[in-house]
C-alpha atoms as a PDB file:
ATOM      1  CA  MET A   1     190.778  96.465 -62.322  1.00  0.00           C
ATOM      2  CA  ASP A   2     193.180  94.698 -59.700  1.00  0.00           C
ATOM      3  CA  SER A   3     191.701  93.643 -56.252  1.00  0.00           C
ATOM      4  CA  ALA A   4     193.688  96.282 -54.334  1.00  0.00           C
ATOM      5  CA  THR A   5     192.000  99.054 -56.424  1.00  0.00           C
ATOM      6  CA  GLU A   6     188.861  97.488 -56.164  1.00  0.00           C
ATOM      7  CA  VAL A   7     189.087  97.603 -52.282  1.00  0.00           C
ATOM      8  CA  LYS A   8     190.224 101.192 -52.374  1.00  0.00           C
ATOM      9  CA  ASP A   9     187.347 102.212 -54.343  1.00  0.00           C
ATOM     10  CA  LYS A  10     184.885 100.412 -52.076  1.00  0.00           C
ATOM     11  CA  ALA A  11     186.476 101.786 -48.875  1.00  0.00           C
ATOM     12  CA  MET A  12     187.163 105.428 -49.759  1.00  0.00           C
ATOM     13  CA  PRO A  13     184.116 107.660 -49.585  1.00  0.00           C
ATOM     14  CA  THR A  14     183.800 109.790 -52.554  1.00  0.00           C
ATOM     15  CA  PRO A  15     183.810 113.409 -51.821  1.00  0.00           C
ATOM     16  CA  ALA A  16     181.376 114.747 -53.987  1.00  0.00           C
ATOM     17  CA  ALA A  17     178.939 111.839 -53.172  1.00  0.00           C
ATOM     18  CA  THR A  18     179.165 110.908 -49.572  1.00  0.00           C
ATOM     19  CA  VAL A  19     181.265 113.380 -47.540  1.00  0.00           C
ATOM     20  CA  LYS A  20     179.073 115.984 -46.083  1.00  0.00           C
ATOM     21  CA  PRO A  21     180.794 119.415 -45.654  1.00  0.00           C
ATOM     22  CA  SER A  22     180.947 120.824 -42.106  1.00  0.00           C
ATOM     23  CA  SER A  23     178.656 123.763 -41.902  1.00  0.00           C
ATOM     24  CA  LYS A  24     179.552 124.523 -38.176  1.00  0.00           C
ATOM     25  CA  LYS A  25     181.778 127.301 -36.991  1.00  0.00           C
ATOM     26  CA  ALA A  26     185.532 126.378 -36.382  1.00  0.00           C
ATOM     27  CA  LYS A  27     185.278 127.334 -32.832  1.00  0.00           C
ATOM     28  CA  ALA A  28     182.227 125.662 -31.720  1.00  0.00           C
ATOM     29  CA  LYS A  29     181.422 125.490 -28.098  1.00  0.00           C
ATOM     30  CA  LEU A  30     182.884 122.199 -26.411  1.00  0.00           C
ATOM     31  CA  LYS A  31     180.383 119.959 -24.742  1.00  0.00           C
ATOM     32  CA  VAL A  32     182.754 117.129 -23.587  1.00  0.00           C
ATOM     33  CA  GLN A  33     186.347 117.074 -23.090  1.00  0.00           C
ATOM     34  CA  ALA A  34     188.466 113.906 -22.517  1.00  0.00           C
ATOM     35  CA  THR A  35     192.042 114.478 -21.203  1.00  0.00           C
ATOM     36  CA  GLY A  36     194.524 111.607 -20.651  1.00  0.00           C
ATOM     37  CA  LEU A  37     191.660 109.187 -20.534  1.00  0.00           C
ATOM     38  CA  LYS A  38     192.833 105.551 -20.039  1.00  0.00           C
ATOM     39  CA  ALA A  39     190.791 102.483 -19.310  1.00  0.00           C
ATOM     40  CA  TRP A  40     191.475  98.734 -18.579  1.00  0.00           C
ATOM     41  CA  PHE A  41     189.543  95.442 -18.627  1.00  0.00           C
ATOM     42  CA  GLY A  42     191.525  93.568 -15.831  1.00  0.00           C
ATOM     43  CA  SER A  43     195.171  94.080 -16.876  1.00  0.00           C
ATOM     44  CA  ASN A  44     194.453  94.794 -20.593  1.00  0.00           C
ATOM     45  CA  GLN A  45     194.579  98.366 -21.219  1.00  0.00           C
ATOM     46  CA  VAL A  46     192.059  99.220 -24.059  1.00  0.00           C
ATOM     47  CA  VAL A  47     192.277 103.122 -24.057  1.00  0.00           C
ATOM     48  CA  LYS A  48     195.743 104.761 -23.633  1.00  0.00           C
ATOM     49  CA  GLY A  49     195.684 108.387 -22.914  1.00  0.00           C
ATOM     50  CA  VAL A  50     193.198 109.967 -25.179  1.00  0.00           C
ATOM     51  CA  ASP A  51     192.750 113.663 -25.402  1.00  0.00           C
ATOM     52  CA  LEU A  52     189.551 114.331 -27.421  1.00  0.00           C
ATOM     53  CA  ALA A  53     187.254 117.444 -27.458  1.00  0.00           C
ATOM     54  CA  ILE A  54     183.689 117.017 -28.432  1.00  0.00           C
ATOM     55  CA  PRO A  55     181.915 120.030 -29.673  1.00  0.00           C
ATOM     56  CA  ALA A  56     178.369 120.788 -28.706  1.00  0.00           C
ATOM     57  CA  GLN A  57     175.434 120.326 -31.081  1.00  0.00           C
ATOM     58  CA  GLN A  58     177.323 118.360 -33.580  1.00  0.00           C
ATOM     59  CA  VAL A  59     177.943 114.804 -34.439  1.00  0.00           C
ATOM     60  CA  THR A  60     181.411 113.320 -33.805  1.00  0.00           C
ATOM     61  CA  ALA A  61     182.029 109.878 -35.381  1.00  0.00           C
ATOM     62  CA  ILE A  62     184.425 107.558 -33.954  1.00  0.00           C
ATOM     63  CA  ILE A  63     185.955 105.133 -36.386  1.00  0.00           C
ATOM     64  CA  GLY A  64     188.706 102.326 -36.330  1.00  0.00           C
ATOM     65  CA  PRO A  65     189.084  98.567 -36.489  1.00  0.00           C
ATOM     66  CA  SER A  66     187.461  96.208 -34.086  1.00  0.00           C
ATOM     67  CA  GLY A  67     189.214  96.357 -30.713  1.00  0.00           C
ATOM     68  CA  CYS A  68     190.631  99.562 -30.996  1.00  0.00           C
ATOM     69  CA  GLY A  69     188.834 101.042 -27.933  1.00  0.00           C
ATOM     70  CA  LYS A  70     185.928 102.967 -29.648  1.00  0.00           C
ATOM     71  CA  SER A  71     183.152 101.657 -27.640  1.00  0.00           C
ATOM     72  CA  THR A  72     185.077 101.540 -24.309  1.00  0.00           C
ATOM     73  CA  PHE A  73     185.991 105.179 -24.775  1.00  0.00           C
ATOM     74  CA  ILE A  74     182.404 106.383 -25.205  1.00  0.00           C
ATOM     75  CA  ARG A  75     181.230 104.357 -22.203  1.00  0.00           C
ATOM     76  CA  CYS A  76     183.844 106.137 -20.174  1.00  0.00           C
ATOM     77  CA  LEU A  77     182.171 109.410 -21.091  1.00  0.00           C
ATOM     78  CA  ASN A  78     179.140 108.584 -19.030  1.00  0.00           C
ATOM     79  CA  ARG A  79     180.713 106.077 -16.503  1.00  0.00           C
ATOM     80  CA  MET A  80     179.120 102.972 -17.879  1.00  0.00           C
ATOM     81  CA  HIS A  81     182.634 101.269 -18.189  1.00  0.00           C
ATOM     82  CA  GLU A  82     182.706 101.068 -14.449  1.00  0.00           C
ATOM     83  CA  LEU A  83     179.683  98.961 -14.445  1.00  0.00           C
ATOM     84  CA  VAL A  84     181.588  95.944 -15.725  1.00  0.00           C
ATOM     85  CA  PRO A  85     183.527  94.079 -13.135  1.00  0.00           C
ATOM     86  CA  ASP A  86     187.158  94.266 -13.144  1.00  0.00           C
ATOM     87  CA  THR A  87     187.528  97.490 -15.003  1.00  0.00           C
ATOM     88  CA  LYS A  88     189.190 100.857 -14.039  1.00  0.00           C
ATOM     89  CA  SER A  89     189.832 104.162 -15.671  1.00  0.00           C
ATOM     90  CA  GLU A  90     192.010 107.131 -15.280  1.00  0.00           C
ATOM     91  CA  GLY A  91     192.155 110.499 -16.557  1.00  0.00           C
ATOM     92  CA  LYS A  92     189.629 113.246 -16.754  1.00  0.00           C
ATOM     93  CA  VAL A  93     186.236 113.680 -18.593  1.00  0.00           C
ATOM     94  CA  GLU A  94     184.548 116.947 -18.314  1.00  0.00           C
ATOM     95  CA  LEU A  95     180.904 117.717 -19.198  1.00  0.00           C
ATOM     96  CA  ASP A  96     180.476 121.427 -19.584  1.00  0.00           C
ATOM     97  CA  GLY A  97     183.773 121.861 -17.770  1.00  0.00           C
ATOM     98  CA  GLU A  98     182.770 119.785 -14.870  1.00  0.00           C
ATOM     99  CA  ASP A  99     184.716 116.396 -13.991  1.00  0.00           C
ATOM    100  CA  VAL A 100     182.195 113.691 -14.190  1.00  0.00           C
ATOM    101  CA  TYR A 101     184.439 111.421 -12.131  1.00  0.00           C
ATOM    102  CA  ALA A 102     184.673 114.007  -9.350  1.00  0.00           C
ATOM    103  CA  SER A 103     183.655 112.840  -5.739  1.00  0.00           C
ATOM    104  CA  GLY A 104     179.896 113.694  -5.262  1.00  0.00           C
ATOM    105  CA  VAL A 105     178.991 113.140  -8.844  1.00  0.00           C
ATOM    106  CA  ASP A 106     175.942 110.568  -8.967  1.00  0.00           C
ATOM    107  CA  PRO A 107     176.469 108.322 -12.006  1.00  0.00           C
ATOM    108  CA  VAL A 108     172.749 107.624 -12.449  1.00  0.00           C
ATOM    109  CA  LEU A 109     172.056 111.506 -12.823  1.00  0.00           C
ATOM    110  CA  LEU A 110     175.135 111.758 -15.151  1.00  0.00           C
ATOM    111  CA  ARG A 111     173.689 109.002 -17.261  1.00  0.00           C
ATOM    112  CA  ARG A 112     170.332 110.905 -17.584  1.00  0.00           C
ATOM    113  CA  ARG A 113     172.490 113.970 -19.124  1.00  0.00           C
ATOM    114  CA  VAL A 114     174.683 111.699 -21.138  1.00  0.00           C
ATOM    115  CA  GLY A 115     172.333 109.081 -22.579  1.00  0.00           C
ATOM    116  CA  MET A 116     173.281 106.004 -24.534  1.00  0.00           C
ATOM    117  CA  VAL A 117     171.950 104.027 -27.538  1.00  0.00           C
ATOM    118  CA  PHE A 118     173.513 100.546 -27.807  1.00  0.00           C
ATOM    119  CA  GLN A 119     174.418  98.084 -30.789  1.00  0.00           C
ATOM    120  CA  LYS A 120     171.604  95.789 -30.537  1.00  0.00           C
ATOM    121  CA  PRO A 121     168.072  97.072 -29.952  1.00  0.00           C
ATOM    122  CA  ASN A 122     167.233  96.283 -26.456  1.00  0.00           C
ATOM    123  CA  PRO A 123     163.482  97.373 -25.609  1.00  0.00           C
ATOM    124  CA  PHE A 124     162.516  95.958 -22.182  1.00  0.00           C
ATOM    125  CA  PRO A 125     160.490  92.696 -23.479  1.00  0.00           C
ATOM    126  CA  SER A 126     157.840  92.670 -20.829  1.00  0.00           C
ATOM    127  CA  MET A 127     156.927  96.518 -21.030  1.00  0.00           C
ATOM    128  CA  SER A 128     154.657  98.099 -23.533  1.00  0.00           C
ATOM    129  CA  ILE A 129     155.845 100.706 -26.195  1.00  0.00           C
ATOM    130  CA  ARG A 130     154.789 103.641 -23.752  1.00  0.00           C
ATOM    131  CA  ASP A 131     156.444 102.041 -20.803  1.00  0.00           C
ATOM    132  CA  ASN A 132     159.672 101.552 -22.600  1.00  0.00           C
ATOM    133  CA  VAL A 133     159.599 105.183 -23.380  1.00  0.00           C
ATOM    134  CA  LEU A 134     159.145 106.148 -19.825  1.00  0.00           C
ATOM    135  CA  ALA A 135     161.324 103.648 -18.199  1.00  0.00           C
ATOM    136  CA  GLY A 136     164.297 105.789 -17.637  1.00  0.00           C
ATOM    137  CA  LEU A 137     162.252 108.547 -16.034  1.00  0.00           C
ATOM    138  CA  ARG A 138     160.688 106.037 -13.678  1.00  0.00           C
ATOM    139  CA  LEU A 139     164.178 104.752 -12.659  1.00  0.00           C
ATOM    140  CA  THR A 140     165.436 108.286 -11.791  1.00  0.00           C
ATOM    141  CA  HIS A 141     161.984 108.794  -9.800  1.00  0.00           C
ATOM    142  CA  SER A 142     161.437 112.027 -11.946  1.00  0.00           C
ATOM    143  CA  LEU A 143     158.278 111.107 -13.827  1.00  0.00           C
ATOM    144  CA  LYS A 144     155.328 113.407 -13.128  1.00  0.00           C
ATOM    145  CA  ARG A 145     152.193 111.227 -13.946  1.00  0.00           C
ATOM    146  CA  GLU A 146     150.223 114.014 -15.288  1.00  0.00           C
ATOM    147  CA  ARG A 147     152.986 114.603 -18.030  1.00  0.00           C
ATOM    148  CA  ALA A 148     153.429 110.813 -19.137  1.00  0.00           C
ATOM    149  CA  ASP A 149     151.335 111.151 -22.278  1.00  0.00           C
ATOM    150  CA  GLU A 150     153.063 114.357 -23.425  1.00  0.00           C
ATOM    151  CA  ILE A 151     156.494 112.933 -22.849  1.00  0.00           C
ATOM    152  CA  THR A 152     155.662 109.791 -24.591  1.00  0.00           C
ATOM    153  CA  GLU A 153     154.398 111.544 -27.796  1.00  0.00           C
ATOM    154  CA  LYS A 154     157.173 114.104 -27.688  1.00  0.00           C
ATOM    155  CA  ALA A 155     159.966 111.429 -27.579  1.00  0.00           C
ATOM    156  CA  LEU A 156     158.366 109.175 -30.066  1.00  0.00           C
ATOM    157  CA  ARG A 157     157.978 111.969 -32.480  1.00  0.00           C
ATOM    158  CA  GLN A 158     161.628 113.079 -32.053  1.00  0.00           C
ATOM    159  CA  ALA A 159     162.431 109.498 -32.889  1.00  0.00           C
ATOM    160  CA  ALA A 160     160.143 109.656 -35.820  1.00  0.00           C
ATOM    161  CA  LEU A 161     158.170 106.795 -34.658  1.00  0.00           C
ATOM    162  CA  TRP A 162     155.024 108.315 -33.336  1.00  0.00           C
ATOM    163  CA  ASP A 163     152.962 107.829 -36.524  1.00  0.00           C
ATOM    164  CA  GLU A 164     153.959 104.120 -36.625  1.00  0.00           C
ATOM    165  CA  VAL A 165     152.954 103.196 -33.212  1.00  0.00           C
ATOM    166  CA  LYS A 166     150.508 105.959 -32.057  1.00  0.00           C
ATOM    167  CA  ASP A 167     147.643 103.488 -32.017  1.00  0.00           C
ATOM    168  CA  ARG A 168     149.387 100.850 -30.170  1.00  0.00           C
ATOM    169  CA  LEU A 169     151.143 102.257 -27.446  1.00  0.00           C
ATOM    170  CA  ARG A 170     149.940  99.416 -25.175  1.00  0.00           C
ATOM    171  CA  ASP A 171     151.498  96.825 -27.310  1.00  0.00           C
ATOM    172  CA  ALA A 172     154.970  95.121 -26.374  1.00  0.00           C
ATOM    173  CA  GLY A 173     157.864  97.102 -27.426  1.00  0.00           C
ATOM    174  CA  ALA A 174     159.572  93.925 -28.364  1.00  0.00           C
ATOM    175  CA  GLY A 175     156.890  93.208 -31.031  1.00  0.00           C
ATOM    176  CA  LEU A 176     158.019  96.020 -33.215  1.00  0.00           C
ATOM    177  CA  SER A 177     160.449  95.493 -36.130  1.00  0.00           C
ATOM    178  CA  GLY A 178     164.361  95.777 -35.506  1.00  0.00           C
ATOM    179  CA  GLY A 179     164.586  99.235 -36.920  1.00  0.00           C
ATOM    180  CA  GLN A 180     161.519 100.322 -34.911  1.00  0.00           C
ATOM    181  CA  GLN A 181     162.906  98.854 -31.738  1.00  0.00           C
ATOM    182  CA  GLN A 182     166.101 100.962 -32.255  1.00  0.00           C
ATOM    183  CA  ARG A 183     164.237 104.073 -32.663  1.00  0.00           C
ATOM    184  CA  LEU A 184     162.021 102.996 -29.483  1.00  0.00           C
ATOM    185  CA  CYS A 185     165.385 102.810 -27.723  1.00  0.00           C
ATOM    186  CA  ILE A 186     166.320 106.190 -29.048  1.00  0.00           C
ATOM    187  CA  ALA A 187     163.066 107.761 -27.782  1.00  0.00           C
ATOM    188  CA  ARG A 188     163.579 105.999 -24.377  1.00  0.00           C
ATOM    189  CA  ALA A 189     166.854 107.922 -24.211  1.00  0.00           C
ATOM    190  CA  LEU A 190     165.451 111.353 -25.400  1.00  0.00           C
ATOM    191  CA  ALA A 191     162.555 110.902 -22.882  1.00  0.00           C
ATOM    192  CA  VAL A 192     164.965 112.097 -20.130  1.00  0.00           C
ATOM    193  CA  GLU A 193     166.089 114.969 -21.987  1.00  0.00           C
ATOM    194  CA  PRO A 194     169.779 114.382 -22.049  1.00  0.00           C
ATOM    195  CA  GLU A 195     172.263 116.801 -23.246  1.00  0.00           C
ATOM    196  CA  VAL A 196     174.530 114.180 -24.920  1.00  0.00           C
ATOM    197  CA  LEU A 197     173.577 111.011 -26.849  1.00  0.00           C
ATOM    198  CA  LEU A 198     176.030 108.448 -27.235  1.00  0.00           C
ATOM    199  CA  MET A 199     175.354 105.947 -30.050  1.00  0.00           C
ATOM    200  CA  ASP A 200     177.517 102.806 -30.088  1.00  0.00           C
ATOM    201  CA  GLU A 201     177.048 101.001 -33.675  1.00  0.00           C
ATOM    202  CA  PRO A 202     173.362 101.908 -33.670  1.00  0.00           C
ATOM    203  CA  CYS A 203     172.776 100.497 -37.242  1.00  0.00           C
ATOM    204  CA  SER A 204     174.919  97.310 -37.322  1.00  0.00           C
ATOM    205  CA  ALA A 205     172.058  94.961 -36.606  1.00  0.00           C
ATOM    206  CA  LEU A 206     169.750  96.838 -38.872  1.00  0.00           C
ATOM    207  CA  ASP A 207     168.729  96.439 -42.733  1.00  0.00           C
ATOM    208  CA  PRO A 208     169.623  99.509 -45.331  1.00  0.00           C
ATOM    209  CA  ILE A 209     166.380 100.986 -44.857  1.00  0.00           C
ATOM    210  CA  ALA A 210     166.209 100.992 -41.233  1.00  0.00           C
ATOM    211  CA  THR A 211     169.724 102.148 -41.261  1.00  0.00           C
ATOM    212  CA  ALA A 212     168.708 105.292 -43.416  1.00  0.00           C
ATOM    213  CA  ARG A 213     165.823 106.040 -40.977  1.00  0.00           C
ATOM    214  CA  ILE A 214     168.390 106.141 -38.197  1.00  0.00           C
ATOM    215  CA  GLU A 215     170.791 108.415 -40.243  1.00  0.00           C
ATOM    216  CA  ASP A 216     167.930 110.756 -41.051  1.00  0.00           C
ATOM    217  CA  LEU A 217     167.191 110.831 -37.426  1.00  0.00           C
ATOM    218  CA  ILE A 218     170.503 111.594 -36.417  1.00  0.00           C
ATOM    219  CA  HIS A 219     170.630 114.623 -38.822  1.00  0.00           C
ATOM    220  CA  SER A 220     167.166 115.867 -37.369  1.00  0.00           C
ATOM    221  CA  LEU A 221     168.441 115.545 -33.551  1.00  0.00           C
ATOM    222  CA  LYS A 222     171.774 117.191 -33.863  1.00  0.00           C
ATOM    223  CA  ASP A 223     170.355 120.802 -33.596  1.00  0.00           C
ATOM    224  CA  ASP A 224     169.234 120.000 -29.906  1.00  0.00           C
ATOM    225  CA  TYR A 225     171.836 117.362 -28.923  1.00  0.00           C
ATOM    226  CA  THR A 226     175.586 116.506 -28.922  1.00  0.00           C
ATOM    227  CA  ILE A 227     175.759 113.367 -30.701  1.00  0.00           C
ATOM    228  CA  VAL A 228     178.796 110.842 -30.519  1.00  0.00           C
ATOM    229  CA  ILE A 229     178.418 107.867 -32.648  1.00  0.00           C
ATOM    230  CA  VAL A 230     180.768 104.742 -33.022  1.00  0.00           C
ATOM    231  CA  THR A 231     180.556 103.304 -36.349  1.00  0.00           C
ATOM    232  CA  HIS A 232     182.631 100.642 -38.353  1.00  0.00           C
ATOM    233  CA  ASN A 233     181.062 101.993 -41.475  1.00  0.00           C
ATOM    234  CA  MET A 234     183.164 104.825 -42.974  1.00  0.00           C
ATOM    235  CA  GLN A 235     180.543 105.657 -45.378  1.00  0.00           C
ATOM    236  CA  GLN A 236     178.153 106.226 -42.548  1.00  0.00           C
ATOM    237  CA  ALA A 237     180.637 108.350 -40.662  1.00  0.00           C
ATOM    238  CA  ALA A 238     180.932 110.547 -43.680  1.00  0.00           C
ATOM    239  CA  ARG A 239     177.280 110.803 -44.155  1.00  0.00           C
ATOM    240  CA  VAL A 240     176.227 111.778 -40.636  1.00  0.00           C
ATOM    241  CA  SER A 241     179.088 113.483 -38.896  1.00  0.00           C
ATOM    242  CA  ASP A 242     180.592 116.772 -38.583  1.00  0.00           C
ATOM    243  CA  ARG A 243     183.834 115.625 -37.143  1.00  0.00           C
ATOM    244  CA  THR A 244     185.469 112.095 -37.057  1.00  0.00           C
ATOM    245  CA  ALA A 245     188.107 110.834 -34.839  1.00  0.00           C
ATOM    246  CA  PHE A 246     190.239 107.701 -35.844  1.00  0.00           C
ATOM    247  CA  PHE A 247     191.146 105.328 -33.185  1.00  0.00           C
ATOM    248  CA  LEU A 248     193.927 102.766 -33.408  1.00  0.00           C
ATOM    249  CA  SER A 249     194.955 100.098 -30.900  1.00  0.00           C
ATOM    250  CA  GLY A 250     193.517 102.231 -28.111  1.00  0.00           C
ATOM    251  CA  GLU A 251     194.969 105.395 -29.071  1.00  0.00           C
ATOM    252  CA  LEU A 252     193.623 108.425 -30.879  1.00  0.00           C
ATOM    253  CA  VAL A 253     195.563 108.840 -34.184  1.00  0.00           C
ATOM    254  CA  GLU A 254     193.748 111.982 -35.274  1.00  0.00           C
ATOM    255  CA  ASP A 255     190.462 113.944 -35.102  1.00  0.00           C
ATOM    256  CA  ALA A 256     189.495 116.665 -37.757  1.00  0.00           C
ATOM    257  CA  PRO A 257     186.329 117.907 -39.545  1.00  0.00           C
ATOM    258  CA  THR A 258     185.068 114.864 -41.328  1.00  0.00           C
ATOM    259  CA  ASP A 259     185.413 116.130 -45.086  1.00  0.00           C
ATOM    260  CA  ARG A 260     188.878 116.990 -44.293  1.00  0.00           C
ATOM    261  CA  LEU A 261     189.747 113.665 -42.344  1.00  0.00           C
ATOM    262  CA  PHE A 262     188.379 111.681 -45.279  1.00  0.00           C
ATOM    263  CA  THR A 263     190.034 113.691 -48.323  1.00  0.00           C
ATOM    264  CA  SER A 264     193.292 114.911 -46.579  1.00  0.00           C
ATOM    265  CA  PRO A 265     194.134 112.855 -43.361  1.00  0.00           C
ATOM    266  CA  SER A 266     197.339 114.122 -41.939  1.00  0.00           C
ATOM    267  CA  ASP A 267     198.580 110.663 -40.542  1.00  0.00           C
ATOM    268  CA  SER A 268     199.564 107.826 -42.924  1.00  0.00           C
ATOM    269  CA  ARG A 269     197.729 105.306 -40.898  1.00  0.00           C
ATOM    270  CA  THR A 270     194.482 107.037 -41.229  1.00  0.00           C
ATOM    271  CA  GLU A 271     194.844 106.942 -44.865  1.00  0.00           C
ATOM    272  CA  ASP A 272     195.813 103.339 -44.847  1.00  0.00           C
ATOM    273  CA  TYR A 273     192.586 102.470 -42.873  1.00  0.00           C
ATOM    274  CA  ILE A 274     190.172 104.538 -45.061  1.00  0.00           C
ATOM    275  CA  THR A 275     191.594 103.286 -48.206  1.00  0.00           C
ATOM    276  CA  GLY A 276     191.069  99.841 -47.163  1.00  0.00           C
ATOM    277  CA  LYS A 277     194.779  98.630 -46.457  1.00  0.00           C
ATOM    278  CA  PHE A 278     193.661  97.264 -43.190  1.00  0.00           C
ATOM    279  CA  GLY A 279     190.528  97.212 -40.965  1.00  0.00           C
END
């Protein structure tokens, strides 16, 4: 087998083995709509007029080579991009039809509705497992003390972590394994009861076993949450998502149901990427 064929066989998900057919109705309700979205770091434009509709209660994967604007795009969805100095964005992002950049929108409350899990697990090192889960609620001054234990257990169960930590909730969150720390960060995001969960390369720092746990967790959460996952792993996108969007050089090349995008892409650049001709 020549090297080009070997790369193609490795990169292209096998439809029967890894591509999960979409079971959702074609006309799913939209949760997030980006229109003409642009973003800059200083004078460097990294997102270039993206229009993307994200259906409710589905998993949308965003793929593309490093530096193509994937992470910046999702950070614009809950206005985290503006937290970085010397950045700006233009265009519109609507959540349930309401412009999240409109005057009067509180970014802190927006981020409660649109939570985020980052590439590297980032539990607060000085906090216990329990306090890590409750940190977001305390930040927004919305924690009712009498419900703290109930919220902690519910979020940890949703994150498939409760049985592993229920007897050591007072231990430091930073003492958990890498995969457990990432699930703790997911529990922290879920504790504030978001409507949308953004996941920026959530498995890139994890081993295969921990990655499988996170992927199983994504499957279990999508009936209750709208999930957007940025991933460099095309096999992962094929396994976990209902729709996939391919970004290149800050532009959205195409988005489609995941099974169709991986088996019959409409743009030759998408086919070149998923078959390993560049990446």
